[in-house]
Amino acid sequence: MDSVKMREAVEAGKTILGIEFGSTRIKAVLTNEENTPIAQGAHDWENRLENGIWTYTLEDIWSGLQDAYAKLAADVKSQCGASLKKIGAIGFSAMMHGYMVFDKEGTLMVPFRTWRNTITEQAAKELTAAFSFNIPQRWSIAHLYQAILNGEEHLPRIDYLSTLAGYVHWKLTGKRVLGVGEASGMFPIDSKTKDYDQNMVETFDKLIAPKGYSWKLRDILPQVLVAGEPAGNLTQEGAKLLDPSGELEAGIPMCPPEGDAGTGMVATNSVTVHTGNVSAGTSVFAMVVMDENETLKKVHEEIDMVTTPDGLPVAMAHCNNCTSDLNAWVGIFKEFQQALGVPVDMNQLFSVLYNKALEGDVDCGGLMAYNYFSGESITGFEEGRPLFVRTPDSKFTLANFMRTHLYTSLGALKVGLDILFKEEGVKLDNIYGHGGLFKTKGVGQRIMAAAINAPVSLMETAGEGGAWGIALLASYMLNKKENQPLDAFLSEEVFHGETGVRMEPNAEDVAGFDAFIQRYKECLPVERAAVESLPL
């Protein structure tokens, strides 16, 4: 976009702002009328461990937000000379789950407990049993119930329970609302009503009735909104919170705040029934969109049920470990190359090693590895130890070695997805991949297709991330045609029919991965022995 057109768009307020609070970065993206990013700003931050709780302070939140916004505004001014005063719409997103509770004065009563905390095991188990629905430890309702089980003193005074995205939105608009996708990480959602599951709400209220609190669950939870619905406007106080310079004008409409899962779905155009997206980097998760009438036959602790930003049910398998061990081994090859005095090009090194893997036996020739830098809930591990194992008669070649590490980077994920596809019969027509595993063309994509036995597509826009995803949701609220559903808006107005580079699964790869994963499950006692025998 040339500077003259950009200046015209900025001065006319024909832009959209999306801001996402990631776990290590707050990113702001400004888009034009074509939904193309034209400016950005970012602020790096880190959670801190205080008194055994992973948290961010309120000062962290607001100073980080203001810094990211200020850098975005500076980027706009440097490109076109205009000050950012009017914006068409704004959207906020953040890492999901966690626990932020406020009293009637709006005071945070305990430090923000993020999704990263694993301190709600008893609550998660008891609620899963009570609801007949899997409640992971990181969900807001698990944090609330664990606080109740612990008898924490702040509980009678709770006036509002929210997530990080909901908190920021509340402070900027005065509205206690959440997008349905973000709300689905607080409490289970009924995809037919697009609201909290009423039967489960009543079950929870009965469960805590003996405590005699003055509130019931719906009194303290945010109102649930669906993508496209208005979620309030930026207030005078909110404008000053976001932009202390005073240039930004109040009154800007804001879309429902969403979680990073939902914005990831939007940014990869994977909100349609029987599509999905998989993010594979340091950790890995896959999400598959189901029809609103589809349900799982059983409760599976390995599978989270959340929703799309427009309320469709989404089955998600989330794993803590993906490419860290694979990258560590590539680092060893880098050291070897340096020891030989050969210049190292890391992109070339990854490309050579990844492509070598495709020459290996489809079942990895009897080699086995576990990439568990940390615990892995899908396979029942609270801690992990990276491990490589072979027998004397295994086919120990470089190709098999690399293929083993690519397979095992998706091992726990495949265990979870096999539950979805093989036990539950969930349908998947296509899945969109994004993240570091897919950077080497044609390799990670082929391995993923083998793991899930379904086509995998890669889109250039996937790298734009969640800040762009929430900007698209704000654009949808502002610009959608009458009765235009979210998936149609994305396909027609944003992606313009682009479906990415699609790769079908190779039958031999699929059979080989299935054989590997059978050994993977049989050898888990070896990983257990490593955890028990090698204390940290």
Protein backbone atom coordinates (compact mmCIF):
# COMPACT_ATOMS: atom_id res chain seq x y z
CA MET A 1 0.00 0.00 0.00
CA ASP A 2 1.54 3.31 -1.02
CA SER A 3 1.93 6.06 1.57
CA VAL A 4 -0.73 8.34 0.03
CA LYS A 5 -3.43 5.65 0.06
CA MET A 6 -2.37 4.59 3.52
CA ARG A 7 -2.61 8.16 4.81
CA GLU A 8 -6.10 8.51 3.32
CA ALA A 9 -7.24 5.26 4.93
CA VAL A 10 -5.77 6.17 8.33
CA GLU A 11 -7.23 9.71 8.36
CA ALA A 12 -10.66 8.43 7.25
CA GLY A 13 -10.66 5.75 9.96
CA LYS A 14 -10.93 2.98 7.35
CA THR A 15 -8.63 0.66 9.26
CA ILE A 16 -9.04 -2.19 11.74
CA LEU A 17 -6.86 -2.79 14.81
CA GLY A 18 -6.21 -6.25 16.23
CA ILE A 19 -4.15 -6.84 19.39
CA GLU A 20 -3.24 -10.22 20.87
CA PHE A 21 -1.59 -10.98 24.20
CA GLY A 22 0.55 -14.05 23.52
CA SER A 23 2.51 -15.79 26.25
CA THR A 24 5.79 -14.08 25.25
CA ARG A 25 4.66 -11.23 22.98
CA ILE A 26 1.92 -8.62 22.74
CA LYS A 27 1.35 -7.91 19.06
CA ALA A 28 -0.72 -5.15 17.41
CA VAL A 29 -1.68 -5.24 13.73
CA LEU A 30 -3.47 -2.56 11.70
CA THR A 31 -5.27 -3.67 8.53
CA ASN A 32 -6.79 -1.79 5.58
CA GLU A 33 -10.15 -2.21 3.86
CA GLU A 34 -8.82 -5.29 2.02
CA ASN A 35 -8.01 -6.89 5.42
CA THR A 36 -4.28 -6.70 4.61
CA PRO A 37 -1.85 -5.80 7.42
CA ILE A 38 -0.32 -2.35 6.85
CA ALA A 39 1.39 -1.60 10.19
CA GLN A 40 2.34 -3.37 13.37
CA GLY A 41 3.89 -2.99 16.81
CA ALA A 42 5.00 -5.51 19.42
CA HIS A 43 6.13 -5.76 23.02
CA ASP A 44 8.01 -8.73 24.47
CA TRP A 45 7.04 -9.91 27.94
CA GLU A 46 7.46 -12.96 30.15
CA ASN A 47 5.33 -14.54 32.82
CA ARG A 48 6.88 -14.78 36.27
CA LEU A 49 6.72 -17.42 38.98
CA GLU A 50 5.62 -15.75 42.22
CA ASN A 51 4.73 -17.77 45.33
CA GLY A 52 4.35 -20.85 43.17
CA ILE A 53 1.99 -19.14 40.69
CA TRP A 54 2.74 -18.31 37.05
CA THR A 55 1.46 -14.76 36.60
CA TYR A 56 1.67 -11.36 34.92
CA THR A 57 1.04 -8.20 36.95
CA LEU A 58 -1.53 -5.57 35.99
CA GLU A 59 1.43 -3.24 35.37
CA ASP A 60 2.85 -5.84 32.95
CA ILE A 61 -0.48 -5.94 31.10
CA TRP A 62 -1.03 -2.19 30.69
CA SER A 63 2.56 -1.08 30.12
CA GLY A 64 2.96 -3.87 27.56
CA LEU A 65 -0.26 -2.98 25.77
CA GLN A 66 0.62 0.72 25.66
CA ASP A 67 4.10 -0.04 24.34
CA ALA A 68 2.79 -2.32 21.56
CA TYR A 69 0.19 0.28 20.57
CA ALA A 70 2.72 3.15 20.67
CA LYS A 71 5.05 1.19 18.35
CA LEU A 72 2.15 0.53 15.98
CA ALA A 73 1.22 4.23 15.96
CA ALA A 74 4.86 5.13 15.32
CA ASP A 75 4.99 2.63 12.45
CA VAL A 76 1.92 4.27 10.92
CA LYS A 77 3.41 7.76 11.24
CA SER A 78 6.77 6.71 9.78
CA GLN A 79 5.08 5.11 6.77
CA CYS A 80 2.56 7.79 5.86
CA GLY A 81 3.00 10.75 8.23
CA ALA A 82 -0.49 10.43 9.73
CA SER A 83 -1.43 10.17 13.40
CA LEU A 84 -3.68 7.29 14.43
CA LYS A 85 -6.85 8.98 15.72
CA LYS A 86 -9.83 7.20 14.17
CA ILE A 87 -10.07 3.43 13.68
CA GLY A 88 -12.96 1.53 12.12
CA ALA A 89 -13.07 -1.21 14.76
CA ILE A 90 -10.84 -2.85 17.38
CA GLY A 91 -10.52 -6.42 18.61
CA PHE A 92 -8.61 -7.93 21.53
CA SER A 93 -7.41 -11.49 21.93
CA ALA A 94 -5.22 -13.30 24.46
CA MET A 95 -3.99 -16.67 25.60
CA MET A 96 -7.04 -18.53 26.86
CA HIS A 97 -8.12 -19.82 30.27
CA GLY A 98 -6.72 -18.76 33.62
CA TYR A 99 -8.26 -16.91 36.56
CA MET A 100 -8.81 -13.19 37.11
CA VAL A 101 -11.31 -12.31 39.88
CA PHE A 102 -12.49 -8.87 40.92
CA ASP A 103 -14.57 -7.43 43.77
CA LYS A 104 -17.36 -4.85 43.44
CA GLU A 105 -14.79 -2.03 43.32
CA GLY A 106 -13.06 -3.69 40.36
CA THR A 107 -9.99 -4.64 42.40
CA LEU A 108 -8.07 -7.79 41.40
CA MET A 109 -8.32 -9.98 44.51
CA VAL A 110 -5.57 -12.53 43.84
CA PRO A 111 -2.70 -12.42 41.32
CA PHE A 112 -3.69 -13.44 37.78
CA ARG A 113 -3.36 -17.23 37.53
CA THR A 114 -2.44 -18.03 33.92
CA TRP A 115 -3.20 -21.11 31.82
CA ARG A 116 0.29 -22.38 32.59
CA ASN A 117 -0.50 -23.25 36.22
CA THR A 118 -1.14 -26.93 36.98
CA ILE A 119 -2.57 -26.43 40.47
CA THR A 120 -6.18 -27.55 39.93
CA GLU A 121 -5.89 -31.33 39.56
CA GLN A 122 -8.50 -32.19 42.20
CA ALA A 123 -10.98 -29.62 40.90
CA ALA A 124 -10.53 -30.70 37.28
CA LYS A 125 -11.15 -34.36 38.16
CA GLU A 126 -14.21 -33.65 40.30
CA LEU A 127 -15.80 -31.32 37.74
CA THR A 128 -15.10 -33.74 34.88
CA ALA A 129 -16.97 -36.41 36.85
CA ALA A 130 -19.82 -34.05 37.83
CA PHE A 131 -20.34 -32.72 34.28
CA SER A 132 -19.47 -35.89 32.32
CA PHE A 133 -17.39 -33.46 30.27
CA ASN A 134 -13.60 -33.07 30.27
CA ILE A 135 -12.50 -30.04 32.32
CA PRO A 136 -8.74 -29.44 31.86
CA GLN A 137 -6.70 -27.95 34.70
CA ARG A 138 -6.10 -24.66 32.90
CA TRP A 139 -9.82 -23.82 32.49
CA SER A 140 -11.19 -20.90 34.53
CA ILE A 141 -13.91 -23.01 36.16
CA ALA A 142 -11.25 -25.46 37.41
CA HIS A 143 -9.35 -22.56 39.00
CA LEU A 144 -12.55 -21.26 40.63
CA TYR A 145 -13.53 -24.66 42.02
CA GLN A 146 -10.00 -25.37 43.26
CA ALA A 147 -10.09 -22.06 45.14
CA ILE A 148 -13.38 -23.21 46.67
CA LEU A 149 -11.88 -26.59 47.64
CA ASN A 150 -8.94 -24.70 49.17
CA GLY A 151 -11.30 -22.42 51.12
CA GLU A 152 -9.66 -19.22 49.87
CA GLU A 153 -10.82 -16.10 51.69
CA HIS A 154 -11.61 -13.96 48.62
CA LEU A 155 -14.44 -16.17 47.34
CA PRO A 156 -17.45 -14.53 49.07
CA ARG A 157 -16.46 -11.16 47.60
CA ILE A 158 -16.22 -12.21 43.92
CA ASP A 159 -18.13 -9.85 41.66
CA TYR A 160 -16.55 -10.79 38.30
CA LEU A 161 -14.50 -13.69 36.95
CA SER A 162 -12.83 -13.25 33.58
CA THR A 163 -9.88 -14.11 31.37
CA LEU A 164 -7.10 -11.78 30.27
CA ALA A 165 -8.87 -10.86 26.99
CA GLY A 166 -12.14 -10.27 28.83
CA TYR A 167 -10.42 -8.12 31.47
CA VAL A 168 -8.74 -5.82 28.94
CA HIS A 169 -11.98 -5.48 26.95
CA TRP A 170 -13.91 -4.66 30.14
CA LYS A 171 -11.51 -1.91 31.11
CA LEU A 172 -11.63 -0.36 27.63
CA THR A 173 -15.41 -0.57 27.08
CA GLY A 174 -17.07 -1.15 30.47
CA LYS A 175 -18.66 -4.31 28.99
CA ARG A 176 -18.39 -7.68 30.75
CA VAL A 177 -18.51 -9.87 27.65
CA LEU A 178 -16.54 -12.61 25.91
CA GLY A 179 -16.55 -14.17 22.49
CA VAL A 180 -17.96 -17.69 22.59
CA GLY A 181 -14.62 -19.28 21.66
CA GLU A 182 -12.86 -17.61 24.58
CA ALA A 183 -15.81 -18.37 26.88
CA SER A 184 -15.51 -22.06 25.94
CA GLY A 185 -12.17 -22.09 27.77
CA MET A 186 -13.83 -20.79 30.91
CA PHE A 187 -16.86 -23.09 31.09
CA PRO A 188 -18.47 -25.66 28.73
CA ILE A 189 -20.61 -24.20 25.93
CA ASP A 190 -23.84 -25.55 24.44
CA SER A 191 -23.27 -25.11 20.70
CA LYS A 192 -27.02 -24.99 20.01
CA THR A 193 -27.67 -22.05 22.35
CA LYS A 194 -24.19 -20.51 21.85
CA ASP A 195 -24.07 -19.97 25.60
CA TYR A 196 -22.82 -21.66 28.77
CA ASP A 197 -24.31 -25.15 29.13
CA GLN A 198 -27.28 -24.50 31.42
CA ASN A 199 -27.43 -28.03 32.87
CA MET A 200 -23.77 -27.80 33.88
CA VAL A 201 -24.30 -24.30 35.30
CA GLU A 202 -27.07 -25.68 37.52
CA THR A 203 -24.91 -28.66 38.51
CA PHE A 204 -22.12 -26.31 39.58
CA ASP A 205 -24.47 -24.05 41.55
CA LYS A 206 -25.85 -27.09 43.44
CA LEU A 207 -22.31 -28.31 44.07
CA ILE A 208 -21.29 -25.08 45.81
CA ALA A 209 -24.67 -24.22 47.40
CA PRO A 210 -23.55 -25.42 50.87
CA LYS A 211 -20.88 -22.69 50.85
CA GLY A 212 -23.57 -20.01 51.01
CA TYR A 213 -21.96 -17.49 48.66
CA SER A 214 -24.14 -14.52 47.69
CA TRP A 215 -23.43 -15.16 43.99
CA LYS A 216 -24.36 -17.88 41.53
CA LEU A 217 -22.15 -18.81 38.59
CA ARG A 218 -23.93 -16.74 35.91
CA ASP A 219 -23.74 -13.68 38.20
CA ILE A 220 -19.95 -13.59 37.95
CA LEU A 221 -19.25 -14.89 34.43
CA PRO A 222 -19.01 -12.64 31.33
CA GLN A 223 -21.94 -12.55 28.90
CA VAL A 224 -21.28 -14.76 25.86
CA LEU A 225 -21.32 -13.15 22.39
CA VAL A 226 -20.93 -14.71 18.95
CA ALA A 227 -18.60 -13.43 16.21
CA GLY A 228 -20.18 -10.50 14.38
CA GLU A 229 -22.12 -9.17 17.36
CA PRO A 230 -21.23 -5.70 18.69
CA ALA A 231 -19.38 -5.78 22.01
CA GLY A 232 -19.36 -2.14 23.06
CA ASN A 233 -17.33 0.94 22.20
CA LEU A 234 -14.02 2.36 23.35
CA THR A 235 -14.73 4.77 26.23
CA GLN A 236 -12.88 8.00 26.98
CA GLU A 237 -11.12 6.23 29.86
CA GLY A 238 -10.37 3.25 27.63
CA ALA A 239 -8.87 5.44 24.91
CA LYS A 240 -6.49 6.99 27.45
CA LEU A 241 -5.58 3.55 28.81
CA LEU A 242 -4.71 2.32 25.33
CA ASP A 243 -3.08 5.52 24.10
CA PRO A 244 -1.83 7.76 26.95
CA SER A 245 -0.74 10.35 24.34
CA GLY A 246 -4.41 11.27 23.98
CA GLU A 247 -4.48 11.15 20.17
CA LEU A 248 -6.80 8.13 19.86
CA GLU A 249 -10.47 9.07 19.83
CA ALA A 250 -13.16 7.36 21.90
CA GLY A 251 -16.29 5.73 20.48
CA ILE A 252 -14.58 3.10 18.30
CA PRO A 253 -16.72 -0.08 18.05
CA MET A 254 -15.16 -3.25 19.44
CA CYS A 255 -15.80 -6.89 18.62
CA PRO A 256 -16.15 -9.67 21.20
CA PRO A 257 -12.76 -10.49 22.76
CA GLU A 258 -11.49 -13.89 21.70
CA GLY A 259 -8.89 -16.48 22.65
CA ASP A 260 -5.77 -17.47 20.75
CA ALA A 261 -7.38 -20.75 19.65
CA GLY A 262 -10.19 -18.89 17.90
CA THR A 263 -7.94 -16.29 16.28
CA GLY A 264 -5.68 -19.09 15.03
CA MET A 265 -8.69 -20.73 13.37
CA VAL A 266 -9.65 -17.45 11.72
CA ALA A 267 -6.10 -16.67 10.53
CA THR A 268 -5.90 -20.08 8.83
CA ASN A 269 -9.47 -20.01 7.43
CA SER A 270 -10.36 -23.16 9.35
CA VAL A 271 -13.73 -22.37 10.93
CA THR A 272 -15.80 -24.50 8.52
CA VAL A 273 -17.30 -27.81 9.67
CA HIS A 274 -14.88 -30.76 9.19
CA THR A 275 -11.86 -28.54 8.67
CA GLY A 276 -9.13 -27.95 11.22
CA ASN A 277 -5.78 -26.39 11.91
CA VAL A 278 -2.62 -27.70 13.48
CA SER A 279 0.08 -25.51 15.01
CA ALA A 280 3.42 -27.30 15.31
CA GLY A 281 6.37 -25.58 16.95
CA THR A 282 7.72 -25.80 20.50
CA SER A 283 4.35 -27.32 21.44
CA VAL A 284 1.69 -28.71 19.12
CA PHE A 285 -2.08 -28.64 19.04
CA ALA A 286 -4.69 -29.64 16.50
CA MET A 287 -8.29 -28.46 16.36
CA VAL A 288 -11.09 -30.04 14.32
CA VAL A 289 -14.41 -28.26 13.77
CA MET A 290 -17.48 -30.45 14.26
CA ASP A 291 -21.12 -30.01 13.29
CA GLU A 292 -23.26 -28.50 16.07
CA ASN A 293 -25.16 -31.81 16.31
CA GLU A 294 -21.99 -33.91 16.64
CA THR A 295 -20.91 -35.00 20.12
CA LEU A 296 -18.25 -37.36 21.44
CA LYS A 297 -19.58 -40.70 22.66
CA LYS A 298 -17.28 -40.73 25.69
CA VAL A 299 -15.44 -38.30 27.93
CA HIS A 300 -11.75 -38.28 26.97
CA GLU A 301 -9.26 -36.49 29.20
CA GLU A 302 -6.94 -36.32 26.17
CA ILE A 303 -9.42 -34.15 24.22
CA ASP A 304 -10.54 -30.59 25.02
CA MET A 305 -13.88 -29.39 23.66
CA VAL A 306 -13.98 -25.68 22.80
CA THR A 307 -15.74 -23.71 20.03
CA THR A 308 -15.10 -21.59 16.97
CA PRO A 309 -15.71 -17.83 17.33
CA ASP A 310 -19.18 -18.44 15.86
CA GLY A 311 -19.98 -21.24 18.31
CA LEU A 312 -19.40 -24.52 16.48
CA PRO A 313 -17.92 -27.32 18.62
CA VAL A 314 -14.18 -27.91 18.22
CA ALA A 315 -12.29 -30.96 19.41
CA MET A 316 -8.71 -30.12 20.37
CA ALA A 317 -5.69 -32.28 21.16
CA HIS A 318 -2.94 -30.27 22.86
CA CYS A 319 0.61 -31.51 23.53
CA ASN A 320 3.39 -29.78 25.44
CA ASN A 321 6.23 -31.12 23.29
CA CYS A 322 6.88 -30.95 19.57
CA THR A 323 10.12 -29.71 17.93
CA SER A 324 12.41 -28.90 20.89
CA ASP A 325 14.20 -32.26 20.87
CA LEU A 326 14.31 -32.36 17.08
CA ASN A 327 15.92 -28.89 17.08
CA ALA A 328 18.42 -30.03 19.72
CA TRP A 329 19.56 -32.88 17.47
CA VAL A 330 19.89 -30.49 14.51
CA GLY A 331 22.07 -28.41 16.86
CA ILE A 332 24.39 -31.41 17.28
CA PHE A 333 24.79 -31.66 13.50
CA LYS A 334 25.53 -27.91 13.46
CA GLU A 335 28.32 -28.44 16.03
CA PHE A 336 29.73 -31.31 13.94
CA GLN A 337 29.76 -29.12 10.83
CA GLN A 338 31.47 -26.31 12.73
CA ALA A 339 34.06 -28.77 14.09
CA LEU A 340 34.89 -29.68 10.49
CA GLY A 341 35.34 -25.99 9.72
CA VAL A 342 32.40 -25.94 7.34
CA PRO A 343 30.24 -22.75 7.35
CA VAL A 344 26.74 -23.43 8.69
CA ASP A 345 23.57 -22.23 6.98
CA MET A 346 20.79 -23.33 9.38
CA ASN A 347 18.07 -23.18 6.73
CA GLN A 348 20.14 -25.46 4.50
CA LEU A 349 20.94 -27.77 7.42
CA PHE A 350 17.27 -28.17 8.35
CA SER A 351 16.35 -28.69 4.70
CA VAL A 352 19.00 -31.40 4.14
CA LEU A 353 18.15 -33.29 7.35
CA TYR A 354 14.38 -33.02 6.94
CA ASN A 355 14.50 -34.17 3.33
CA LYS A 356 16.86 -37.03 4.28
CA ALA A 357 14.08 -38.30 6.56
CA LEU A 358 11.88 -38.96 3.53
CA GLU A 359 14.45 -41.55 2.35
CA GLY A 360 14.01 -43.57 5.56
CA ASP A 361 11.89 -46.68 6.18
CA VAL A 362 8.24 -45.73 6.62
CA ASP A 363 8.24 -47.36 10.09
CA CYS A 364 11.63 -45.81 11.01
CA GLY A 365 13.47 -49.14 10.88
CA GLY A 366 12.85 -50.05 14.51
CA LEU A 367 14.21 -46.83 16.04
CA MET A 368 12.30 -45.10 18.84
CA ALA A 369 12.49 -41.68 20.49
CA TYR A 370 10.50 -39.55 22.93
CA ASN A 371 10.66 -35.77 22.68
CA TYR A 372 9.42 -35.13 26.24
CA PHE A 373 11.24 -32.06 27.50
CA SER A 374 8.30 -31.66 29.87
CA GLY A 375 5.35 -33.79 30.92
CA GLU A 376 2.74 -34.93 28.41
CA SER A 377 -0.82 -35.31 29.70
CA ILE A 378 -2.10 -37.26 26.68
CA THR A 379 0.26 -40.13 27.53
CA GLY A 380 0.09 -39.63 31.32
CA PHE A 381 3.46 -38.02 32.11
CA GLU A 382 3.89 -35.25 34.69
CA GLU A 383 7.58 -34.93 33.74
CA GLY A 384 9.55 -35.86 30.66
CA ARG A 385 13.04 -36.94 29.61
CA PRO A 386 14.15 -36.68 25.96
CA LEU A 387 15.09 -40.20 24.95
CA PHE A 388 16.44 -42.10 21.92
CA VAL A 389 16.35 -45.92 21.90
CA ARG A 390 17.29 -48.67 19.44
CA THR A 391 17.93 -52.40 19.42
CA PRO A 392 21.13 -53.97 18.03
CA ASP A 393 19.27 -55.02 14.88
CA SER A 394 17.49 -51.70 14.24
CA LYS A 395 18.27 -50.03 10.92
CA PHE A 396 20.35 -47.18 12.34
CA THR A 397 20.73 -44.79 9.40
CA LEU A 398 20.64 -41.01 9.21
CA ALA A 399 17.39 -41.19 7.22
CA ASN A 400 15.69 -43.40 9.82
CA PHE A 401 17.12 -41.31 12.65
CA MET A 402 15.63 -38.10 11.27
CA ARG A 403 12.35 -39.74 10.35
CA THR A 404 12.06 -41.07 13.90
CA HIS A 405 12.44 -37.59 15.36
CA LEU A 406 9.91 -36.12 12.94
CA TYR A 407 7.43 -38.89 13.78
CA THR A 408 7.90 -38.60 17.53
CA SER A 409 7.45 -34.82 17.40
CA LEU A 410 3.84 -35.69 16.52
CA GLY A 411 3.65 -38.91 18.57
CA ALA A 412 1.53 -37.67 21.49
CA LEU A 413 -0.63 -35.65 19.11
CA LYS A 414 -1.33 -38.76 17.03
CA VAL A 415 -2.35 -40.67 20.17
CA GLY A 416 -4.90 -37.93 20.85
CA LEU A 417 -6.11 -37.61 17.27
CA ASP A 418 -6.46 -41.38 16.88
CA ILE A 419 -9.06 -41.15 19.66
CA LEU A 420 -10.95 -38.57 17.62
CA PHE A 421 -10.73 -40.21 14.22
CA LYS A 422 -10.57 -43.93 15.00
CA GLU A 423 -12.59 -44.25 18.22
CA GLU A 424 -15.04 -41.38 17.82
CA GLY A 425 -15.30 -41.29 14.01
CA VAL A 426 -14.93 -37.50 13.81
CA LYS A 427 -14.76 -36.41 10.17
CA LEU A 428 -11.93 -34.29 8.76
CA ASP A 429 -11.86 -33.11 5.15
CA ASN A 430 -8.78 -30.89 5.35
CA ILE A 431 -6.46 -29.42 7.97
CA TYR A 432 -4.33 -26.27 7.70
CA GLY A 433 -0.79 -26.41 9.07
CA HIS A 434 1.27 -23.58 10.52
CA GLY A 435 4.40 -23.30 12.64
CA GLY A 436 8.09 -24.16 12.47
CA LEU A 437 7.61 -27.86 11.62
CA PHE A 438 6.28 -26.84 8.20
CA LYS A 439 9.06 -24.45 7.17
CA THR A 440 10.97 -27.04 5.12
CA LYS A 441 8.81 -27.41 2.03
CA GLY A 442 6.99 -30.70 1.64
CA VAL A 443 8.46 -32.55 4.64
CA GLY A 444 6.57 -31.61 7.81
CA GLN A 445 3.43 -31.41 5.68
CA ARG A 446 3.92 -34.98 4.42
CA ILE A 447 4.67 -36.33 7.91
CA MET A 448 1.57 -34.59 9.32
CA ALA A 449 -0.62 -35.99 6.53
CA ALA A 450 0.69 -39.47 7.41
CA ALA A 451 -0.02 -38.94 11.13
CA ILE A 452 -3.65 -37.93 10.64
CA ASN A 453 -4.38 -39.77 7.36
CA ALA A 454 -5.97 -36.62 5.93
CA PRO A 455 -4.96 -33.87 3.50
CA VAL A 456 -2.81 -31.05 4.95
CA SER A 457 -2.77 -27.58 3.40
CA LEU A 458 -0.35 -24.73 3.99
CA MET A 459 -1.28 -21.09 3.42
CA GLU A 460 1.10 -18.15 3.16
CA THR A 461 -1.16 -16.08 5.42
CA ALA A 462 -0.82 -18.56 8.31
CA GLY A 463 2.24 -16.69 9.54
CA GLU A 464 0.21 -13.52 10.15
CA GLY A 465 -0.93 -14.92 13.49
CA GLY A 466 -3.57 -14.18 16.09
CA ALA A 467 -3.40 -10.37 16.07
CA TRP A 468 -4.42 -10.52 12.41
CA GLY A 469 -7.06 -13.13 13.30
CA ILE A 470 -8.76 -10.83 15.84
CA ALA A 471 -8.51 -7.92 13.37
CA LEU A 472 -10.42 -10.10 10.90
CA LEU A 473 -13.11 -10.75 13.53
CA ALA A 474 -13.40 -7.00 14.12
CA SER A 475 -13.65 -6.50 10.35
CA TYR A 476 -16.37 -9.18 10.18
CA MET A 477 -18.40 -7.33 12.80
CA LEU A 478 -18.03 -4.06 10.89
CA ASN A 479 -18.23 -5.19 7.26
CA LYS A 480 -20.21 -8.43 6.99
CA LYS A 481 -23.12 -8.59 4.58
CA GLU A 482 -26.59 -9.33 5.93
CA ASN A 483 -26.79 -12.94 7.19
CA GLN A 484 -23.24 -13.64 5.95
CA PRO A 485 -21.73 -16.39 8.13
CA LEU A 486 -18.14 -16.15 9.34
CA ASP A 487 -16.79 -18.91 7.08
CA ALA A 488 -18.29 -17.24 4.00
CA PHE A 489 -16.88 -13.82 4.99
CA LEU A 490 -13.41 -15.31 5.40
CA SER A 491 -13.51 -17.28 2.15
CA GLU A 492 -15.03 -14.47 0.06
CA GLU A 493 -13.68 -11.25 1.56
CA VAL A 494 -10.31 -12.27 3.04
CA PHE A 495 -8.89 -15.39 1.41
CA HIS A 496 -10.70 -14.93 -1.94
CA GLY A 497 -10.97 -18.65 -2.58
CA GLU A 498 -7.32 -19.37 -1.78
CA THR A 499 -7.01 -22.88 -0.35
CA GLY A 500 -3.23 -23.10 -0.01
CA VAL A 501 -0.87 -25.86 -1.12
CA ARG A 502 -2.63 -29.16 -0.39
CA MET A 503 -0.90 -32.51 0.14
CA GLU A 504 -2.77 -35.82 0.26
CA PRO A 505 -1.57 -38.57 2.64
CA ASN A 506 0.69 -41.27 1.16
CA ALA A 507 -0.74 -44.74 1.93
CA GLU A 508 2.69 -46.27 2.72
CA ASP A 509 3.53 -43.35 5.06
CA VAL A 510 0.20 -43.79 6.85
CA ALA A 511 0.80 -47.52 7.40
CA GLY A 512 4.37 -46.82 8.56
CA PHE A 513 3.27 -44.14 11.04
CA ASP A 514 0.59 -46.49 12.40
CA ALA A 515 3.24 -49.18 12.96
CA PHE A 516 5.55 -46.63 14.62
CA ILE A 517 2.83 -45.34 16.95
CA GLN A 518 2.01 -48.89 18.06
CA ARG A 519 5.65 -49.33 19.16
CA TYR A 520 5.56 -45.81 20.63
CA LYS A 521 2.73 -46.82 22.96
CA GLU A 522 4.33 -50.19 23.80
CA CYS A 523 7.63 -48.48 24.73
CA LEU A 524 6.15 -45.83 27.05
CA PRO A 525 7.39 -47.83 30.09
CA VAL A 526 10.93 -47.07 28.85
CA GLU A 527 10.16 -43.34 29.05
CA ARG A 528 8.60 -43.91 32.49
CA ALA A 529 11.81 -45.63 33.66
CA ALA A 530 13.85 -42.68 32.38
CA VAL A 531 11.70 -40.22 34.34
CA GLU A 532 12.01 -42.29 37.51
CA SER A 533 15.73 -43.07 37.12
CA LEU A 534 16.96 -39.64 36.02
CA PRO A 535 15.79 -37.08 38.59
CA LEU A 536 16.02 -33.42 37.60
